Amino acid sequence: MARPGGRRRRGDRVTAGLGDTDDIADVVYRLSEEGVSLLVVEHDLGFAFDVSDHTYIVYEGNIVADGPSETVRNDDEIKRTYLSV
């Protein structure tokens, strides 16, 4: 969630090509603790869910689901329809 007057950053596919994402996750957590809001576009859903408070699922250019990350992650309809689970 963006903090009023806070700093904001964005990242696009920050884990692309990486086997181990722990260092990237550490950076995301540290920035969050420093009050930086991040918008991360990510295809590694496990990573995205782990480091985010809020998740948007975008399908064919439309937001089809959004909410707290754990809620979106555990929604059976979203998993079946959009996450191929």
C-alpha atoms as a PDB file:
ATOM      1  CA  MET A   1       0.000   0.000   0.000  1.00  0.00           C
ATOM      2  CA  ALA A   2       1.411   3.391  -0.933  1.00  0.00           C
ATOM      3  CA  ARG A   3       2.249   5.536   2.029  1.00  0.00           C
ATOM      4  CA  PRO A   4       1.171   9.196   1.818  1.00  0.00           C
ATOM      5  CA  GLY A   5       4.227  11.303   1.098  1.00  0.00           C
ATOM      6  CA  GLY A   6       6.384   8.175   0.956  1.00  0.00           C
ATOM      7  CA  ARG A   7       8.908   7.118  -1.619  1.00  0.00           C
ATOM      8  CA  ARG A   8       7.788   4.834  -4.421  1.00  0.00           C
ATOM      9  CA  ARG A   9       9.702   2.500  -6.723  1.00  0.00           C
ATOM     10  CA  ARG A  10       8.762  -0.039  -9.369  1.00  0.00           C
ATOM     11  CA  GLY A  11      10.358  -3.188 -10.684  1.00  0.00           C
ATOM     12  CA  ASP A  12       9.561  -5.291 -13.725  1.00  0.00           C
ATOM     13  CA  ARG A  13      10.280  -9.021 -13.489  1.00  0.00           C
ATOM     14  CA  VAL A  14      12.918  -8.491 -10.814  1.00  0.00           C
ATOM     15  CA  THR A  15      13.599 -12.238 -10.512  1.00  0.00           C
ATOM     16  CA  ALA A  16      13.801 -13.033 -14.247  1.00  0.00           C
ATOM     17  CA  GLY A  17      16.636 -15.445 -14.913  1.00  0.00           C
ATOM     18  CA  LEU A  18      17.526 -15.914 -11.252  1.00  0.00           C
ATOM     19  CA  GLY A  19      17.542 -19.295  -9.572  1.00  0.00           C
ATOM     20  CA  ASP A  20      17.827 -17.991  -6.022  1.00  0.00           C
ATOM     21  CA  THR A  21      15.597 -15.045  -5.197  1.00  0.00           C
ATOM     22  CA  ASP A  22      16.451 -14.720  -1.505  1.00  0.00           C
ATOM     23  CA  ASP A  23      18.747 -11.711  -2.003  1.00  0.00           C
ATOM     24  CA  ILE A  24      16.093  -9.890  -4.030  1.00  0.00           C
ATOM     25  CA  ALA A  25      13.473 -10.665  -1.367  1.00  0.00           C
ATOM     26  CA  ASP A  26      15.810  -9.255   1.291  1.00  0.00           C
ATOM     27  CA  VAL A  27      16.109  -6.006  -0.674  1.00  0.00           C
ATOM     28  CA  VAL A  28      12.321  -5.782  -1.039  1.00  0.00           C
ATOM     29  CA  TYR A  29      11.809  -6.333   2.706  1.00  0.00           C
ATOM     30  CA  ARG A  30      14.515  -3.775   3.591  1.00  0.00           C
ATOM     31  CA  LEU A  31      13.011  -1.137   1.297  1.00  0.00           C
ATOM     32  CA  SER A  32       9.577  -1.761   2.780  1.00  0.00           C
ATOM     33  CA  GLU A  33      10.960  -1.329   6.295  1.00  0.00           C
ATOM     34  CA  GLU A  34      12.468   1.984   5.150  1.00  0.00           C
ATOM     35  CA  GLY A  35       9.012   3.168   4.079  1.00  0.00           C
ATOM     36  CA  VAL A  36       9.438   2.652   0.333  1.00  0.00           C
ATOM     37  CA  SER A  37       6.324   1.473  -1.518  1.00  0.00           C
ATOM     38  CA  LEU A  38       7.057  -0.925  -4.370  1.00  0.00           C
ATOM     39  CA  LEU A  39       5.071  -1.848  -7.449  1.00  0.00           C
ATOM     40  CA  VAL A  40       6.503  -5.125  -8.718  1.00  0.00           C
ATOM     41  CA  VAL A  41       5.423  -6.774 -11.958  1.00  0.00           C
ATOM     42  CA  GLU A  42       6.432 -10.386 -11.545  1.00  0.00           C
ATOM     43  CA  HIS A  43       5.867 -13.743 -13.227  1.00  0.00           C
ATOM     44  CA  ASP A  44       7.310 -15.736 -10.320  1.00  0.00           C
ATOM     45  CA  LEU A  45       4.061 -15.924  -8.373  1.00  0.00           C
ATOM     46  CA  GLY A  46       5.578 -17.583  -5.329  1.00  0.00           C
ATOM     47  CA  PHE A  47       8.028 -14.707  -4.967  1.00  0.00           C
ATOM     48  CA  ALA A  48       5.346 -12.106  -5.691  1.00  0.00           C
ATOM     49  CA  PHE A  49       2.976 -13.498  -3.075  1.00  0.00           C
ATOM     50  CA  ASP A  50       5.769 -13.884  -0.511  1.00  0.00           C
ATOM     51  CA  VAL A  51       6.995 -10.284  -0.692  1.00  0.00           C
ATOM     52  CA  SER A  52       3.713  -8.440  -1.207  1.00  0.00           C
ATOM     53  CA  ASP A  53       0.960  -7.171   1.038  1.00  0.00           C
ATOM     54  CA  HIS A  54      -1.497  -6.638  -1.822  1.00  0.00           C
ATOM     55  CA  THR A  55      -1.768  -8.475  -5.141  1.00  0.00           C
ATOM     56  CA  TYR A  56      -3.386  -7.683  -8.465  1.00  0.00           C
ATOM     57  CA  ILE A  57      -3.939 -10.410 -11.052  1.00  0.00           C
ATOM     58  CA  VAL A  58      -3.926  -8.932 -14.554  1.00  0.00           C
ATOM     59  CA  TYR A  59      -5.315 -10.991 -17.416  1.00  0.00           C
ATOM     60  CA  GLU A  60      -5.413  -9.700 -20.993  1.00  0.00           C
ATOM     61  CA  GLY A  61      -4.842  -6.152 -19.743  1.00  0.00           C
ATOM     62  CA  ASN A  62      -7.623  -6.201 -17.153  1.00  0.00           C
ATOM     63  CA  ILE A  63      -7.421  -6.463 -13.380  1.00  0.00           C
ATOM     64  CA  VAL A  64      -9.407  -9.631 -12.686  1.00  0.00           C
ATOM     65  CA  ALA A  65      -8.594  -9.995  -8.997  1.00  0.00           C
ATOM     66  CA  ASP A  66      -7.068  -7.937  -6.251  1.00  0.00           C
ATOM     67  CA  GLY A  67      -6.816  -8.019  -2.520  1.00  0.00           C
ATOM     68  CA  PRO A  68      -4.526  -8.961   0.329  1.00  0.00           C
ATOM     69  CA  SER A  69      -1.891 -11.320  -1.060  1.00  0.00           C
ATOM     70  CA  GLU A  70      -2.808 -14.247   1.180  1.00  0.00           C
ATOM     71  CA  THR A  71      -6.485 -13.913   0.231  1.00  0.00           C
ATOM     72  CA  VAL A  72      -5.695 -13.897  -3.497  1.00  0.00           C
ATOM     73  CA  ARG A  73      -3.148 -16.703  -3.114  1.00  0.00           C
ATOM     74  CA  ASN A  74      -5.661 -18.965  -1.371  1.00  0.00           C
ATOM     75  CA  ASP A  75      -8.746 -18.239  -3.496  1.00  0.00           C
ATOM     76  CA  ASP A  76      -9.633 -21.506  -5.241  1.00  0.00           C
ATOM     77  CA  GLU A  77     -11.440 -19.829  -8.160  1.00  0.00           C
ATOM     78  CA  ILE A  78      -8.505 -17.506  -8.850  1.00  0.00           C
ATOM     79  CA  LYS A  79      -6.053 -20.414  -8.649  1.00  0.00           C
ATOM     80  CA  ARG A  80      -8.140 -22.541 -11.015  1.00  0.00           C
ATOM     81  CA  THR A  81      -8.958 -19.800 -13.522  1.00  0.00           C
ATOM     82  CA  TYR A  82      -5.845 -17.624 -13.660  1.00  0.00           C
ATOM     83  CA  LEU A  83      -2.967 -19.359 -11.925  1.00  0.00           C
ATOM     84  CA  SER A  84      -3.229 -22.823 -13.554  1.00  0.00           C
ATOM     85  CA  VAL A  85      -3.325 -24.530 -10.171  1.00  0.00           C
END
